[in-house]
Protein backbone atom coordinates (compact mmCIF):
# COMPACT_ATOMS: atom_id res chain seq x y z
CA UNK A 1 96.09 37.59 -28.10
CA UNK A 2 94.06 39.29 -25.31
CA UNK A 3 92.31 41.20 -28.00
CA UNK A 4 91.26 38.06 -29.78
CA UNK A 5 90.10 36.64 -26.34
CA UNK A 6 88.22 40.10 -25.60
CA UNK A 7 86.54 39.87 -29.08
CA UNK A 8 85.32 36.23 -28.43
CA UNK A 9 84.00 37.19 -24.95
CA UNK A 10 82.20 40.31 -26.46
CA UNK A 11 80.70 38.04 -29.25
CA UNK A 12 79.50 35.53 -26.66
CA UNK A 13 77.94 38.13 -24.51
CA UNK A 14 76.04 39.63 -27.57
CA UNK A 15 74.78 36.30 -28.73
CA UNK A 16 73.56 35.62 -25.10
CA UNK A 17 71.80 38.91 -24.67
CA UNK A 18 70.16 38.62 -28.14
CA UNK A 19 69.11 35.08 -27.45
CA UNK A 20 67.63 36.18 -24.10
CA UNK A 21 65.89 39.15 -25.99
CA UNK A 22 64.52 36.80 -28.49
CA UNK A 23 63.12 34.31 -25.98
CA UNK A 24 61.42 37.21 -24.19
CA UNK A 25 59.94 38.40 -27.20
CA UNK A 26 58.45 35.08 -28.07
CA UNK A 27 57.14 34.76 -24.70
CA UNK A 28 55.38 38.06 -24.91
CA UNK A 29 53.96 37.16 -28.37
CA UNK A 30 52.51 33.83 -26.99
CA UNK A 31 50.84 35.49 -24.13
CA UNK A 32 49.39 38.21 -26.46
CA UNK A 33 48.17 35.46 -28.80
CA UNK A 34 46.61 33.69 -25.86
CA UNK A 35 44.98 36.62 -24.37
CA UNK A 36 41.90 36.80 -26.68
CA UNK A 37 41.13 33.18 -26.28
CA UNK A 38 41.30 33.72 -22.49
CA UNK A 39 39.10 36.66 -22.91
CA UNK A 40 36.65 34.87 -24.94
CA UNK A 41 36.46 32.06 -22.66
CA UNK A 42 35.88 34.23 -19.62
CA UNK A 43 33.32 36.07 -21.65
CA UNK A 44 31.53 32.86 -22.44
CA UNK A 45 31.68 31.95 -18.95
CA UNK A 46 30.11 35.04 -17.58
CA UNK A 47 27.66 35.65 -20.30
CA UNK A 48 24.12 35.51 -19.15
CA UNK A 49 21.03 35.45 -21.49
CA UNK A 50 18.08 37.58 -20.67
CA UNK A 51 14.97 36.41 -22.36
CA UNK A 52 11.46 37.86 -22.73
CA UNK A 53 8.41 36.02 -23.31
CA UNK A 54 8.49 33.18 -25.89
CA UNK A 55 6.29 33.65 -28.85
CA UNK A 56 3.14 31.25 -28.54
CA UNK A 57 4.05 29.70 -32.10
CA UNK A 58 7.38 28.69 -30.62
CA UNK A 59 5.99 26.86 -27.58
CA UNK A 60 6.63 23.18 -28.28
CA UNK A 61 3.38 21.23 -28.97
CA UNK A 62 4.32 18.49 -26.26
CA UNK A 63 4.12 21.43 -23.67
CA UNK A 64 0.84 22.85 -24.89
CA UNK A 65 -0.73 19.28 -24.94
CA UNK A 66 0.41 18.70 -21.21
CA UNK A 67 -0.72 21.78 -19.79
CA UNK A 68 -4.05 21.84 -21.65
CA UNK A 69 -4.71 17.97 -20.72
CA UNK A 70 -8.41 17.87 -19.64
CA UNK A 71 -7.11 15.70 -16.75
CA UNK A 72 -5.44 18.38 -14.99
CA UNK A 73 -7.35 19.58 -11.90
CA UNK A 74 -9.26 22.86 -12.05
CA UNK A 75 -7.36 24.39 -9.36
CA UNK A 76 -4.24 24.00 -11.12
CA UNK A 77 -5.68 25.67 -14.26
CA UNK A 78 -6.80 28.53 -12.13
CA UNK A 79 -3.11 29.20 -11.15
CA UNK A 80 -1.77 28.97 -14.82
CA UNK A 81 -2.57 32.67 -15.51
CA UNK A 82 -0.27 33.72 -12.80
CA UNK A 83 2.34 31.07 -12.96
CA UNK A 84 2.67 30.88 -16.95
CA UNK A 85 3.71 27.38 -17.06
CA UNK A 86 4.02 27.37 -20.93
CA UNK A 87 6.60 30.07 -20.77
CA UNK A 88 8.44 28.86 -17.75
CA UNK A 89 8.83 25.25 -18.82
CA UNK A 90 9.85 26.14 -22.43
CA UNK A 91 12.54 28.46 -20.96
CA UNK A 92 13.90 25.62 -18.81
CA UNK A 93 13.68 23.26 -21.71
CA UNK A 94 11.73 20.46 -20.10
CA UNK A 95 11.16 17.61 -22.77
CA UNK A 96 9.63 14.17 -22.75
CA UNK A 97 11.90 11.48 -21.43
CA UNK A 98 13.70 13.70 -18.98
CA UNK A 99 14.62 12.68 -15.51
CA UNK A 100 13.73 15.55 -13.37
CA UNK A 101 13.07 16.43 -9.59
CA UNK A 102 10.69 18.75 -7.75
CA UNK A 103 12.09 19.97 -4.55
CA UNK A 104 9.50 21.35 -1.85
CA UNK A 105 6.57 20.14 -4.19
CA UNK A 106 3.86 21.70 -1.92
CA UNK A 107 0.60 20.52 -3.31
CA UNK A 108 2.12 19.20 -6.41
CA UNK A 109 1.36 21.81 -8.98
CA UNK A 110 4.77 21.70 -10.67
CA UNK A 111 5.21 17.93 -10.00
CA UNK A 112 2.05 17.23 -12.08
CA UNK A 113 3.24 19.56 -14.87
CA UNK A 114 6.60 18.00 -15.10
CA UNK A 115 5.17 14.51 -14.78
CA UNK A 116 2.70 15.12 -17.83
CA UNK A 117 5.62 16.78 -19.90
CA UNK A 118 8.39 14.29 -19.51
CA UNK A 119 5.58 11.40 -20.10
CA UNK A 120 6.08 7.68 -19.38
CA UNK A 121 9.42 7.55 -20.56
CA UNK A 122 10.56 10.01 -18.12
CA UNK A 123 10.82 10.23 -14.24
CA UNK A 124 9.93 12.93 -11.57
CA UNK A 125 11.21 12.88 -7.99
CA UNK A 126 8.75 14.79 -6.00
CA UNK A 127 10.15 15.76 -2.73
CA UNK A 128 8.42 17.20 0.56
CA UNK A 129 9.81 17.36 4.01
CA UNK A 130 7.48 17.15 7.17
CA UNK A 131 4.41 19.58 6.52
CA UNK A 132 3.95 22.23 9.35
CA UNK A 133 0.37 21.59 10.95
CA UNK A 134 -1.07 24.64 9.10
CA UNK A 135 -0.02 23.11 5.56
CA UNK A 136 -1.39 19.57 6.33
CA UNK A 137 -4.01 20.15 3.53
CA UNK A 138 -1.07 20.51 1.11
CA UNK A 139 0.33 17.20 2.17
CA UNK A 140 -3.12 15.51 1.65
CA UNK A 141 -3.41 17.12 -1.84
CA UNK A 142 0.16 16.02 -2.81
CA UNK A 143 -0.32 12.38 -1.86
CA UNK A 144 -3.66 12.20 -3.44
CA UNK A 145 -2.38 13.81 -6.64
CA UNK A 146 0.44 11.16 -6.79
CA UNK A 147 -2.26 8.53 -6.86
CA UNK A 148 -3.94 9.93 -9.97
CA UNK A 149 -3.90 8.15 -13.29
CA UNK A 150 -1.00 9.23 -15.29
CA UNK A 151 1.28 9.92 -12.46
CA UNK A 152 2.95 6.45 -12.29
CA UNK A 153 6.10 8.15 -13.41
CA UNK A 154 6.38 10.10 -10.21
CA UNK A 155 8.59 8.91 -7.14
CA UNK A 156 7.37 10.28 -3.82
CA UNK A 157 10.27 11.43 -1.45
CA UNK A 158 9.22 12.28 2.20
CA UNK A 159 12.69 13.45 3.60
CA UNK A 160 13.56 16.68 5.07
CA UNK A 161 16.28 18.84 3.04
CA UNK A 162 19.11 18.04 5.08
CA UNK A 163 18.47 14.23 5.01
CA UNK A 164 21.40 12.09 3.63
CA UNK A 165 20.80 11.09 0.11
CA UNK A 166 17.76 13.35 -0.36
CA UNK A 167 17.50 12.25 -4.11
CA UNK A 168 17.54 8.68 -4.60
CA UNK A 169 19.35 8.79 -7.77
CA UNK A 170 22.93 7.90 -9.14
CA UNK A 171 25.16 11.00 -9.26
CA UNK A 172 25.14 12.84 -12.45
CA UNK A 173 21.83 11.17 -13.56
CA UNK A 174 19.15 14.11 -13.62
CA UNK A 175 18.37 16.17 -16.33
CA UNK A 176 16.84 19.15 -14.37
CA UNK A 177 15.87 19.87 -10.67
CA UNK A 178 13.24 22.59 -9.78
CA UNK A 179 12.43 24.54 -6.56
CA UNK A 180 9.49 26.70 -7.48
CA UNK A 181 8.67 29.64 -5.16
CA UNK A 182 10.18 27.85 -2.11
CA UNK A 183 13.93 28.54 -1.94
CA UNK A 184 13.25 31.38 0.35
CA UNK A 185 11.48 29.10 2.76
CA UNK A 186 14.75 27.32 3.56
CA UNK A 187 15.72 30.14 5.81
CA UNK A 188 12.49 29.82 7.62
CA UNK A 189 12.90 26.22 8.51
CA UNK A 190 16.55 26.25 9.46
CA UNK A 191 17.73 24.21 6.40
CA UNK A 192 21.19 24.92 4.97
CA UNK A 193 20.91 26.06 1.36
CA UNK A 194 24.65 25.09 0.76
CA UNK A 195 23.94 21.57 1.71
CA UNK A 196 20.82 21.57 -0.61
CA UNK A 197 22.69 23.17 -3.56
CA UNK A 198 25.56 20.66 -3.24
CA UNK A 199 22.94 17.76 -3.25
CA UNK A 200 21.45 19.16 -6.44
CA UNK A 201 24.80 19.69 -8.13
CA UNK A 202 25.90 16.12 -7.38
CA UNK A 203 22.58 14.60 -8.75
CA UNK A 204 22.57 16.74 -11.95
CA UNK A 205 24.32 15.68 -15.17
CA UNK A 206 26.96 17.94 -16.67
CA UNK A 207 24.82 20.48 -18.42
CA UNK A 208 22.07 19.96 -16.10
CA UNK A 209 19.73 22.53 -15.13
CA UNK A 210 18.81 24.02 -11.70
CA UNK A 211 15.55 25.62 -12.18
CA UNK A 212 14.59 28.33 -9.56
CA UNK A 213 11.66 30.76 -9.36
CA UNK A 214 11.21 33.05 -6.37
CA UNK A 215 9.65 36.05 -5.18
CA UNK A 216 11.95 39.03 -5.48
CA UNK A 217 12.93 41.33 -2.39
CA UNK A 218 14.04 44.88 -2.58
CA UNK A 219 17.70 45.23 -3.47
CA UNK A 220 19.93 44.70 -0.57
CA UNK A 221 17.39 42.78 1.54
CA UNK A 222 19.32 39.63 1.25
CA UNK A 223 17.45 36.98 3.38
CA UNK A 224 16.06 39.43 5.87
CA UNK A 225 12.41 39.09 4.59
CA UNK A 226 12.09 35.48 4.01
CA UNK A 227 9.79 34.94 6.93
CA UNK A 228 8.02 38.25 6.94
CA UNK A 229 7.22 38.97 3.23
CA UNK A 230 8.34 35.42 1.95
CA UNK A 231 10.78 37.42 -0.64
CA UNK A 232 14.46 36.91 -1.05
CA UNK A 233 17.22 39.08 -2.51
CA UNK A 234 17.96 37.72 -5.99
CA UNK A 235 21.75 38.66 -5.84
CA UNK A 236 21.93 36.63 -2.64
CA UNK A 237 20.33 33.51 -4.20
CA UNK A 238 22.58 33.70 -7.26
CA UNK A 239 25.59 33.96 -5.12
CA UNK A 240 24.80 30.95 -2.95
CA UNK A 241 23.75 28.85 -5.99
CA UNK A 242 27.02 29.62 -7.80
CA UNK A 243 29.14 29.00 -4.77
CA UNK A 244 27.93 25.31 -5.10
CA UNK A 245 29.62 25.22 -8.82
CA UNK A 246 26.64 26.35 -10.87
CA UNK A 247 26.63 28.99 -13.42
CA UNK A 248 23.91 31.40 -13.99
CA UNK A 249 23.15 30.90 -17.56
CA UNK A 250 19.88 32.90 -18.23
CA UNK A 251 16.94 34.75 -16.87
CA UNK A 252 13.41 35.16 -18.08
CA UNK A 253 11.28 38.21 -17.32
CA UNK A 254 7.92 36.61 -17.91
CA UNK A 255 7.04 36.81 -14.16
CA UNK A 256 8.33 40.14 -13.56
CA UNK A 257 6.08 42.86 -12.28
CA UNK A 258 7.93 46.37 -12.29
CA UNK A 259 4.75 47.79 -10.58
CA UNK A 260 5.44 45.61 -7.32
CA UNK A 261 7.02 47.74 -4.61
CA UNK A 262 8.21 44.50 -2.93
CA UNK A 263 6.88 45.65 0.33
CA UNK A 264 3.99 43.13 0.95
CA UNK A 265 3.76 39.44 1.10
CA UNK A 266 2.99 37.89 -2.28
CA UNK A 267 -0.47 36.66 -1.19
CA UNK A 268 -1.68 40.28 -0.59
CA UNK A 269 -0.66 40.94 -4.29
CA UNK A 270 -3.14 38.23 -5.34
CA UNK A 271 -0.08 36.37 -6.76
CA UNK A 272 1.06 39.21 -9.22
CA UNK A 273 4.32 39.78 -7.28
CA UNK A 274 7.52 40.39 -8.83
CA UNK A 275 9.32 36.97 -9.34
CA UNK A 276 12.75 36.18 -10.90
CA UNK A 277 13.19 33.09 -12.97
CA UNK A 278 16.79 31.79 -13.19
CA UNK A 279 18.29 29.02 -15.15
CA UNK A 280 21.42 27.70 -13.57
CA UNK A 281 23.66 25.12 -15.27
CA UNK A 282 26.05 22.51 -14.07
CA UNK A 283 29.36 22.95 -15.99
């Protein structure tokens, strides 16, 4: 009798062990099967596209028409050679009908380009905070520019960066936000980049573009040269912007200058300084 009981107990234990082994094997198989998918997803999130100059034949006609418009001021045209607007606007994907913002618009060079590209069916929110006394001429230029024919699609914003509701738009309504050659100056006026980046993130649509161009500092310089050389470390800027939830999706080398030692202010280099062009995306 005992031998029969022992046989049944041994059989039960054997089946239990085999069942546990089978379940473990199935779990391991599931993990192995899922691993490539997770790896592909992580790779997709981390992948950054590095672009060179776009062939002239591939620049959209609406960009060329806007840039070549005879109504653009001569002073703006003089800046085109160093700023390469056809390349940068094509890289950032600006199109007619878009709703965009130009932060720290300065004299309005980028604002006017955006206004001409997005056209009457689009909208441009052009922002400047209080102008320091030495830059009052830029304020005059900006405000007079906004009164020009063809600028009726521009909304003027006169608020500092820390102002509540800096951008007068519904959350998730903008296609792109630009800050051109001025992100480094946030540190010179005591503005909080984290607050600004969060504001931009809130205003953009999912898939919206945060377009940043700035003067590159030497590796490791971080924000130590924003006031002296008006340069900022690229890695530092990327870290700050991605901390707000953005993903760096692409870079362009069209404004790079490998001969720039990055030891002088940009104006001493006659606007040929090394600049990074970064396209961040709101997931």
